[in-house]
Amino acid sequence: MKNTRKATVQDVSQLAELFDQYRVFYHKESDIQAAENFLKERIERNDSEIFAAESDDKLVGFVQLFPLFSSTRMKRYWLLNDLFVNENYRGNGFSKELIEEAKRLAKSTDACGVLLETGKSNDIGNKLYPSCGFEIYDEVNFYEWTNKI
């Protein structure tokens, strides 16, 4: 049975495994304990909203959103920062279900929208997001400053 729901602190152990797979996908060193600590802290501090995808009582994917604000719109935005589905469960609609959870969160919190970024080389994401109603916004330049400690 396929299902999506808000993640809780009781899900952290399973979520950490998925989060670790996600980070490894982005060329980071595996560290399940640090992933567990990070996710537990986000949930306990209400720093983010995490939704999990389940199949037969096993977590198989997640989406994590962080709150932002638009000064010009004077409303909340949600940053869809992380979206991941275990490779064995891809192609079954879990990503779209998780994105729908993100959109429901935006509506229920009266947010003006959901923002995300993905690499130009992410062929799957660059097909997925428009199919879920996202529009590419190319009217601005995106800049990043990184604190290299």
N, C-alpha and C. Protein backbone atom coordinates (compact mmCIF):
# COMPACT_ATOMS: atom_id res chain seq x y z
N MET A 1 0.84 -1.19 0.00
CA MET A 1 0.00 0.00 0.00
C MET A 1 0.88 1.25 0.00
N LYS A 2 0.54 2.23 -0.85
CA LYS A 2 1.29 3.47 -1.00
C LYS A 2 0.60 4.58 -0.22
N ASN A 3 1.42 5.42 0.48
CA ASN A 3 0.87 6.44 1.35
C ASN A 3 1.92 7.53 1.57
N THR A 4 1.47 8.78 1.75
CA THR A 4 2.37 9.85 2.18
C THR A 4 1.78 10.48 3.43
N ARG A 5 2.66 10.95 4.31
CA ARG A 5 2.22 11.54 5.57
C ARG A 5 3.32 12.39 6.16
N LYS A 6 2.95 13.22 7.12
CA LYS A 6 3.93 14.04 7.82
C LYS A 6 4.82 13.13 8.66
N ALA A 7 6.11 13.36 8.58
CA ALA A 7 7.06 12.55 9.35
C ALA A 7 7.08 13.01 10.80
N THR A 8 7.36 12.09 11.68
CA THR A 8 7.46 12.38 13.11
C THR A 8 8.84 11.96 13.61
N VAL A 9 9.11 12.29 14.85
CA VAL A 9 10.39 11.93 15.45
C VAL A 9 10.56 10.40 15.49
N GLN A 10 9.47 9.67 15.52
CA GLN A 10 9.55 8.21 15.52
C GLN A 10 10.06 7.66 14.17
N ASP A 11 9.99 8.48 13.13
CA ASP A 11 10.45 8.07 11.79
C ASP A 11 11.92 8.36 11.55
N VAL A 12 12.58 9.02 12.48
CA VAL A 12 13.92 9.54 12.23
C VAL A 12 14.90 8.45 11.83
N SER A 13 14.84 7.30 12.42
CA SER A 13 15.79 6.23 12.09
C SER A 13 15.68 5.84 10.61
N GLN A 14 14.45 5.58 10.15
CA GLN A 14 14.25 5.23 8.73
C GLN A 14 14.53 6.42 7.82
N LEU A 15 14.12 7.61 8.24
CA LEU A 15 14.37 8.81 7.45
C LEU A 15 15.87 9.06 7.28
N ALA A 16 16.63 8.82 8.34
CA ALA A 16 18.08 9.06 8.29
C ALA A 16 18.74 8.19 7.22
N GLU A 17 18.28 6.97 7.05
CA GLU A 17 18.83 6.11 6.02
C GLU A 17 18.56 6.68 4.63
N LEU A 18 17.33 7.16 4.42
CA LEU A 18 16.99 7.79 3.14
C LEU A 18 17.77 9.08 2.93
N PHE A 19 17.85 9.88 3.99
CA PHE A 19 18.57 11.15 3.92
C PHE A 19 20.04 10.91 3.60
N ASP A 20 20.60 9.86 4.17
CA ASP A 20 21.99 9.52 3.90
C ASP A 20 22.16 9.12 2.43
N GLN A 21 21.23 8.33 1.89
CA GLN A 21 21.27 7.97 0.47
C GLN A 21 21.20 9.22 -0.40
N TYR A 22 20.36 10.16 -0.02
CA TYR A 22 20.19 11.42 -0.72
C TYR A 22 21.51 12.20 -0.74
N ARG A 23 22.15 12.31 0.42
CA ARG A 23 23.41 13.05 0.52
C ARG A 23 24.52 12.37 -0.29
N VAL A 24 24.58 11.04 -0.24
CA VAL A 24 25.58 10.30 -1.02
C VAL A 24 25.36 10.54 -2.51
N PHE A 25 24.09 10.60 -2.93
CA PHE A 25 23.76 10.91 -4.32
C PHE A 25 24.38 12.25 -4.73
N TYR A 26 24.43 13.20 -3.79
CA TYR A 26 25.02 14.52 -4.04
C TYR A 26 26.50 14.58 -3.63
N HIS A 27 27.15 13.43 -3.63
CA HIS A 27 28.60 13.31 -3.45
C HIS A 27 29.09 13.74 -2.07
N LYS A 28 28.28 13.52 -1.05
CA LYS A 28 28.69 13.78 0.33
C LYS A 28 29.05 12.45 0.98
N GLU A 29 29.89 12.51 1.99
CA GLU A 29 30.27 11.31 2.72
C GLU A 29 29.07 10.75 3.50
N SER A 30 28.94 9.45 3.53
CA SER A 30 27.88 8.80 4.30
C SER A 30 28.11 9.05 5.79
N ASP A 31 27.03 9.41 6.49
CA ASP A 31 27.10 9.62 7.94
C ASP A 31 25.67 9.53 8.48
N ILE A 32 25.24 8.32 8.72
CA ILE A 32 23.86 8.09 9.14
C ILE A 32 23.58 8.72 10.50
N GLN A 33 24.54 8.65 11.42
CA GLN A 33 24.32 9.24 12.75
C GLN A 33 24.12 10.74 12.66
N ALA A 34 24.93 11.42 11.86
CA ALA A 34 24.78 12.87 11.68
C ALA A 34 23.45 13.18 11.00
N ALA A 35 23.06 12.34 10.05
CA ALA A 35 21.78 12.53 9.36
C ALA A 35 20.63 12.40 10.36
N GLU A 36 20.72 11.41 11.23
CA GLU A 36 19.69 11.21 12.25
C GLU A 36 19.62 12.42 13.18
N ASN A 37 20.75 12.90 13.62
CA ASN A 37 20.79 14.07 14.51
C ASN A 37 20.20 15.30 13.82
N PHE A 38 20.59 15.52 12.56
CA PHE A 38 20.11 16.67 11.80
C PHE A 38 18.59 16.62 11.66
N LEU A 39 18.05 15.48 11.25
CA LEU A 39 16.61 15.36 11.04
C LEU A 39 15.82 15.48 12.35
N LYS A 40 16.33 14.84 13.39
CA LYS A 40 15.67 14.90 14.69
C LYS A 40 15.60 16.36 15.17
N GLU A 41 16.69 17.08 14.99
CA GLU A 41 16.73 18.48 15.40
C GLU A 41 15.74 19.32 14.58
N ARG A 42 15.65 19.08 13.30
CA ARG A 42 14.71 19.84 12.45
C ARG A 42 13.27 19.60 12.92
N ILE A 43 12.94 18.35 13.19
CA ILE A 43 11.58 18.01 13.61
C ILE A 43 11.28 18.60 14.99
N GLU A 44 12.19 18.39 15.94
CA GLU A 44 11.95 18.87 17.30
C GLU A 44 11.88 20.39 17.39
N ARG A 45 12.64 21.09 16.58
CA ARG A 45 12.66 22.55 16.61
C ARG A 45 11.64 23.18 15.65
N ASN A 46 10.91 22.34 14.94
CA ASN A 46 9.97 22.83 13.93
C ASN A 46 10.64 23.74 12.91
N ASP A 47 11.88 23.41 12.56
CA ASP A 47 12.64 24.18 11.58
C ASP A 47 12.20 23.89 10.16
N SER A 48 11.65 22.71 9.95
CA SER A 48 11.25 22.30 8.61
C SER A 48 10.01 21.42 8.71
N GLU A 49 9.42 21.19 7.55
CA GLU A 49 8.32 20.23 7.45
C GLU A 49 8.83 19.08 6.59
N ILE A 50 8.67 17.88 7.10
CA ILE A 50 9.12 16.70 6.37
C ILE A 50 7.92 15.78 6.17
N PHE A 51 7.74 15.36 4.93
CA PHE A 51 6.71 14.39 4.59
C PHE A 51 7.39 13.14 4.08
N ALA A 52 6.85 12.00 4.46
CA ALA A 52 7.44 10.71 4.09
C ALA A 52 6.50 9.93 3.19
N ALA A 53 7.09 9.18 2.28
CA ALA A 53 6.34 8.25 1.44
C ALA A 53 6.56 6.85 2.00
N GLU A 54 5.47 6.11 2.12
CA GLU A 54 5.52 4.77 2.69
C GLU A 54 5.02 3.76 1.68
N SER A 55 5.62 2.60 1.71
CA SER A 55 5.11 1.46 0.95
C SER A 55 5.19 0.26 1.87
N ASP A 56 4.05 -0.34 2.16
CA ASP A 56 4.00 -1.51 3.05
C ASP A 56 4.75 -1.27 4.36
N ASP A 57 4.42 -0.16 5.04
CA ASP A 57 4.96 0.21 6.35
C ASP A 57 6.46 0.49 6.35
N LYS A 58 7.05 0.74 5.18
CA LYS A 58 8.47 1.09 5.09
C LYS A 58 8.58 2.45 4.42
N LEU A 59 9.40 3.34 5.00
CA LEU A 59 9.62 4.65 4.38
C LEU A 59 10.51 4.47 3.15
N VAL A 60 10.06 5.04 2.03
CA VAL A 60 10.78 4.87 0.77
C VAL A 60 11.18 6.20 0.13
N GLY A 61 10.72 7.31 0.71
CA GLY A 61 11.05 8.61 0.17
C GLY A 61 10.64 9.71 1.13
N PHE A 62 11.11 10.93 0.83
CA PHE A 62 10.75 12.07 1.67
C PHE A 62 10.89 13.36 0.89
N VAL A 63 10.23 14.39 1.40
CA VAL A 63 10.42 15.76 0.94
C VAL A 63 10.59 16.60 2.19
N GLN A 64 11.54 17.54 2.15
CA GLN A 64 11.76 18.44 3.27
C GLN A 64 11.64 19.88 2.77
N LEU A 65 10.84 20.66 3.49
CA LEU A 65 10.61 22.06 3.12
C LEU A 65 10.98 22.97 4.28
N PHE A 66 11.61 24.09 3.93
CA PHE A 66 12.00 25.08 4.91
C PHE A 66 11.21 26.36 4.67
N PRO A 67 10.80 27.07 5.75
CA PRO A 67 10.05 28.30 5.57
C PRO A 67 10.94 29.47 5.16
N LEU A 68 10.43 30.26 4.24
CA LEU A 68 11.03 31.52 3.82
C LEU A 68 9.92 32.55 3.81
N PHE A 69 10.28 33.81 3.59
CA PHE A 69 9.26 34.84 3.50
C PHE A 69 9.54 35.73 2.30
N SER A 70 8.49 36.19 1.66
CA SER A 70 8.57 37.15 0.58
C SER A 70 8.17 38.51 1.15
N SER A 71 9.11 39.43 1.16
CA SER A 71 8.81 40.78 1.66
C SER A 71 7.82 41.50 0.75
N THR A 72 8.00 41.36 -0.56
CA THR A 72 7.13 42.09 -1.47
C THR A 72 5.71 41.54 -1.45
N ARG A 73 5.57 40.26 -1.23
CA ARG A 73 4.22 39.67 -1.15
C ARG A 73 3.70 39.63 0.28
N MET A 74 4.59 39.88 1.22
CA MET A 74 4.26 39.85 2.66
C MET A 74 3.59 38.53 3.04
N LYS A 75 4.17 37.45 2.56
CA LYS A 75 3.67 36.11 2.86
C LYS A 75 4.83 35.13 2.98
N ARG A 76 4.50 33.99 3.50
CA ARG A 76 5.45 32.88 3.60
C ARG A 76 5.62 32.24 2.22
N TYR A 77 6.81 31.76 1.99
CA TYR A 77 7.14 30.87 0.87
C TYR A 77 7.64 29.58 1.51
N TRP A 78 7.59 28.48 0.81
CA TRP A 78 8.23 27.26 1.27
C TRP A 78 9.32 26.90 0.28
N LEU A 79 10.50 26.59 0.78
CA LEU A 79 11.61 26.13 -0.04
C LEU A 79 11.60 24.61 -0.02
N LEU A 80 11.32 24.02 -1.17
CA LEU A 80 11.41 22.57 -1.30
C LEU A 80 12.90 22.28 -1.48
N ASN A 81 13.55 21.94 -0.39
CA ASN A 81 15.00 21.81 -0.37
C ASN A 81 15.45 20.40 -0.73
N ASP A 82 14.71 19.40 -0.29
CA ASP A 82 15.13 18.01 -0.47
C ASP A 82 13.95 17.17 -0.94
N LEU A 83 14.17 16.39 -1.97
CA LEU A 83 13.18 15.42 -2.45
C LEU A 83 13.95 14.20 -2.87
N PHE A 84 13.58 13.05 -2.29
CA PHE A 84 14.31 11.83 -2.59
C PHE A 84 13.38 10.63 -2.47
N VAL A 85 13.52 9.72 -3.42
CA VAL A 85 12.84 8.42 -3.36
C VAL A 85 13.90 7.36 -3.61
N ASN A 86 13.92 6.34 -2.77
CA ASN A 86 14.85 5.23 -2.93
C ASN A 86 14.75 4.68 -4.34
N GLU A 87 15.90 4.39 -4.94
CA GLU A 87 15.94 3.98 -6.35
C GLU A 87 15.06 2.76 -6.65
N ASN A 88 14.83 1.88 -5.69
CA ASN A 88 14.00 0.70 -5.92
C ASN A 88 12.51 1.02 -6.01
N TYR A 89 12.13 2.27 -5.66
CA TYR A 89 10.72 2.66 -5.65
C TYR A 89 10.42 3.78 -6.63
N ARG A 90 11.40 4.18 -7.40
CA ARG A 90 11.19 5.25 -8.37
C ARG A 90 10.29 4.78 -9.50
N GLY A 91 9.59 5.74 -10.10
CA GLY A 91 8.70 5.41 -11.21
C GLY A 91 7.33 4.95 -10.78
N ASN A 92 7.05 5.04 -9.47
CA ASN A 92 5.76 4.60 -8.94
C ASN A 92 4.89 5.75 -8.44
N GLY A 93 5.28 6.98 -8.74
CA GLY A 93 4.47 8.13 -8.37
C GLY A 93 4.75 8.71 -7.00
N PHE A 94 5.75 8.19 -6.29
CA PHE A 94 6.03 8.71 -4.95
C PHE A 94 6.48 10.17 -4.99
N SER A 95 7.33 10.53 -5.95
CA SER A 95 7.80 11.92 -6.03
C SER A 95 6.64 12.87 -6.23
N LYS A 96 5.73 12.52 -7.12
CA LYS A 96 4.56 13.38 -7.37
C LYS A 96 3.68 13.47 -6.12
N GLU A 97 3.52 12.38 -5.41
CA GLU A 97 2.73 12.41 -4.16
C GLU A 97 3.38 13.34 -3.13
N LEU A 98 4.70 13.27 -3.02
CA LEU A 98 5.41 14.12 -2.07
C LEU A 98 5.31 15.59 -2.47
N ILE A 99 5.39 15.87 -3.76
CA ILE A 99 5.23 17.24 -4.24
C ILE A 99 3.82 17.74 -3.95
N GLU A 100 2.83 16.89 -4.10
CA GLU A 100 1.46 17.28 -3.76
C GLU A 100 1.34 17.62 -2.28
N GLU A 101 2.05 16.89 -1.42
CA GLU A 101 2.07 17.23 0.01
C GLU A 101 2.65 18.63 0.22
N ALA A 102 3.71 18.94 -0.52
CA ALA A 102 4.32 20.27 -0.42
C ALA A 102 3.33 21.36 -0.84
N LYS A 103 2.60 21.10 -1.90
CA LYS A 103 1.61 22.08 -2.37
C LYS A 103 0.46 22.23 -1.37
N ARG A 104 0.05 21.13 -0.76
CA ARG A 104 -1.01 21.21 0.27
C ARG A 104 -0.52 22.01 1.46
N LEU A 105 0.75 21.83 1.84
CA LEU A 105 1.32 22.61 2.94
C LEU A 105 1.27 24.09 2.61
N ALA A 106 1.66 24.45 1.40
CA ALA A 106 1.65 25.86 0.99
C ALA A 106 0.23 26.43 1.07
N LYS A 107 -0.74 25.67 0.60
CA LYS A 107 -2.13 26.15 0.65
C LYS A 107 -2.62 26.27 2.08
N SER A 108 -2.32 25.27 2.91
CA SER A 108 -2.84 25.27 4.28
C SER A 108 -2.19 26.33 5.16
N THR A 109 -1.01 26.81 4.78
CA THR A 109 -0.33 27.86 5.55
C THR A 109 -0.46 29.22 4.88
N ASP A 110 -1.31 29.32 3.89
CA ASP A 110 -1.55 30.54 3.14
C ASP A 110 -0.25 31.13 2.58
N ALA A 111 0.64 30.24 2.16
CA ALA A 111 1.91 30.67 1.57
C ALA A 111 1.66 31.10 0.13
N CYS A 112 2.56 31.94 -0.38
CA CYS A 112 2.40 32.40 -1.77
C CYS A 112 2.94 31.39 -2.76
N GLY A 113 3.66 30.38 -2.30
CA GLY A 113 4.13 29.36 -3.22
C GLY A 113 5.22 28.49 -2.66
N VAL A 114 5.75 27.65 -3.54
CA VAL A 114 6.84 26.74 -3.22
C VAL A 114 7.97 27.01 -4.22
N LEU A 115 9.16 27.21 -3.70
CA LEU A 115 10.34 27.43 -4.53
C LEU A 115 11.22 26.19 -4.49
N LEU A 116 11.95 25.97 -5.56
CA LEU A 116 12.95 24.91 -5.56
C LEU A 116 14.00 25.23 -6.59
N GLU A 117 15.13 24.60 -6.46
CA GLU A 117 16.15 24.70 -7.49
C GLU A 117 16.64 23.29 -7.77
N THR A 118 17.03 23.07 -9.00
CA THR A 118 17.63 21.80 -9.38
C THR A 118 18.66 22.07 -10.46
N GLY A 119 19.60 21.17 -10.58
CA GLY A 119 20.65 21.34 -11.57
C GLY A 119 20.13 21.26 -12.99
N LYS A 120 20.76 21.98 -13.87
CA LYS A 120 20.37 21.94 -15.28
C LYS A 120 20.54 20.53 -15.84
N SER A 121 21.44 19.75 -15.26
CA SER A 121 21.68 18.39 -15.74
C SER A 121 20.74 17.35 -15.13
N ASN A 122 19.86 17.77 -14.21
CA ASN A 122 18.91 16.84 -13.58
C ASN A 122 17.74 16.61 -14.53
N ASP A 123 17.92 15.72 -15.49
CA ASP A 123 16.90 15.47 -16.51
C ASP A 123 15.57 15.02 -15.91
N ILE A 124 15.64 14.15 -14.91
CA ILE A 124 14.40 13.64 -14.30
C ILE A 124 13.65 14.77 -13.60
N GLY A 125 14.35 15.53 -12.76
CA GLY A 125 13.73 16.65 -12.05
C GLY A 125 13.20 17.71 -13.00
N ASN A 126 13.95 17.97 -14.06
CA ASN A 126 13.54 19.00 -15.01
C ASN A 126 12.34 18.58 -15.86
N LYS A 127 11.98 17.32 -15.82
CA LYS A 127 10.72 16.86 -16.42
C LYS A 127 9.63 16.77 -15.35
N LEU A 128 10.02 16.31 -14.16
CA LEU A 128 9.07 16.12 -13.07
C LEU A 128 8.42 17.43 -12.62
N TYR A 129 9.23 18.45 -12.33
CA TYR A 129 8.69 19.66 -11.74
C TYR A 129 7.68 20.37 -12.64
N PRO A 130 7.96 20.55 -13.92
CA PRO A 130 6.92 21.16 -14.79
C PRO A 130 5.66 20.30 -14.88
N SER A 131 5.82 18.98 -14.83
CA SER A 131 4.64 18.11 -14.90
C SER A 131 3.77 18.23 -13.64
N CYS A 132 4.36 18.79 -12.57
CA CYS A 132 3.63 19.00 -11.31
C CYS A 132 3.18 20.45 -11.16
N GLY A 133 3.28 21.23 -12.22
CA GLY A 133 2.77 22.60 -12.18
C GLY A 133 3.80 23.68 -11.88
N PHE A 134 5.07 23.31 -11.70
CA PHE A 134 6.11 24.31 -11.44
C PHE A 134 6.52 24.95 -12.76
N GLU A 135 6.82 26.24 -12.71
CA GLU A 135 7.28 26.96 -13.88
C GLU A 135 8.71 27.42 -13.64
N ILE A 136 9.53 27.31 -14.66
CA ILE A 136 10.91 27.78 -14.55
C ILE A 136 10.89 29.30 -14.53
N TYR A 137 11.64 29.86 -13.62
CA TYR A 137 11.65 31.31 -13.44
C TYR A 137 13.03 31.81 -13.84
N ASP A 138 13.13 32.33 -15.03
CA ASP A 138 14.44 32.73 -15.53
C ASP A 138 14.61 34.24 -15.64
N GLU A 139 13.79 34.98 -14.90
CA GLU A 139 13.86 36.44 -14.95
C GLU A 139 14.88 37.03 -13.97
N VAL A 140 15.47 36.18 -13.15
CA VAL A 140 16.45 36.66 -12.18
C VAL A 140 17.72 35.81 -12.28
N ASN A 141 18.79 36.36 -11.76
CA ASN A 141 20.02 35.60 -11.62
C ASN A 141 20.07 35.05 -10.21
N PHE A 142 20.50 33.86 -10.08
CA PHE A 142 20.64 33.21 -8.78
C PHE A 142 22.11 33.28 -8.39
N TYR A 143 22.40 33.87 -7.23
CA TYR A 143 23.76 33.99 -6.74
C TYR A 143 23.87 33.28 -5.41
N GLU A 144 25.10 32.83 -5.11
CA GLU A 144 25.35 32.18 -3.84
C GLU A 144 26.67 32.67 -3.29
N TRP A 145 26.71 32.96 -2.01
CA TRP A 145 27.94 33.22 -1.30
C TRP A 145 28.13 32.06 -0.34
N THR A 146 29.29 31.47 -0.34
CA THR A 146 29.55 30.32 0.52
C THR A 146 30.63 30.68 1.53
N ASN A 147 30.36 30.43 2.78
CA ASN A 147 31.31 30.65 3.85
C ASN A 147 32.26 29.46 3.87
N LYS A 148 33.44 29.64 3.37
CA LYS A 148 34.42 28.55 3.27
C LYS A 148 35.26 28.49 4.53
N ILE A 149 34.76 27.75 5.48
CA ILE A 149 35.46 27.61 6.77
C ILE A 149 36.37 26.41 6.71
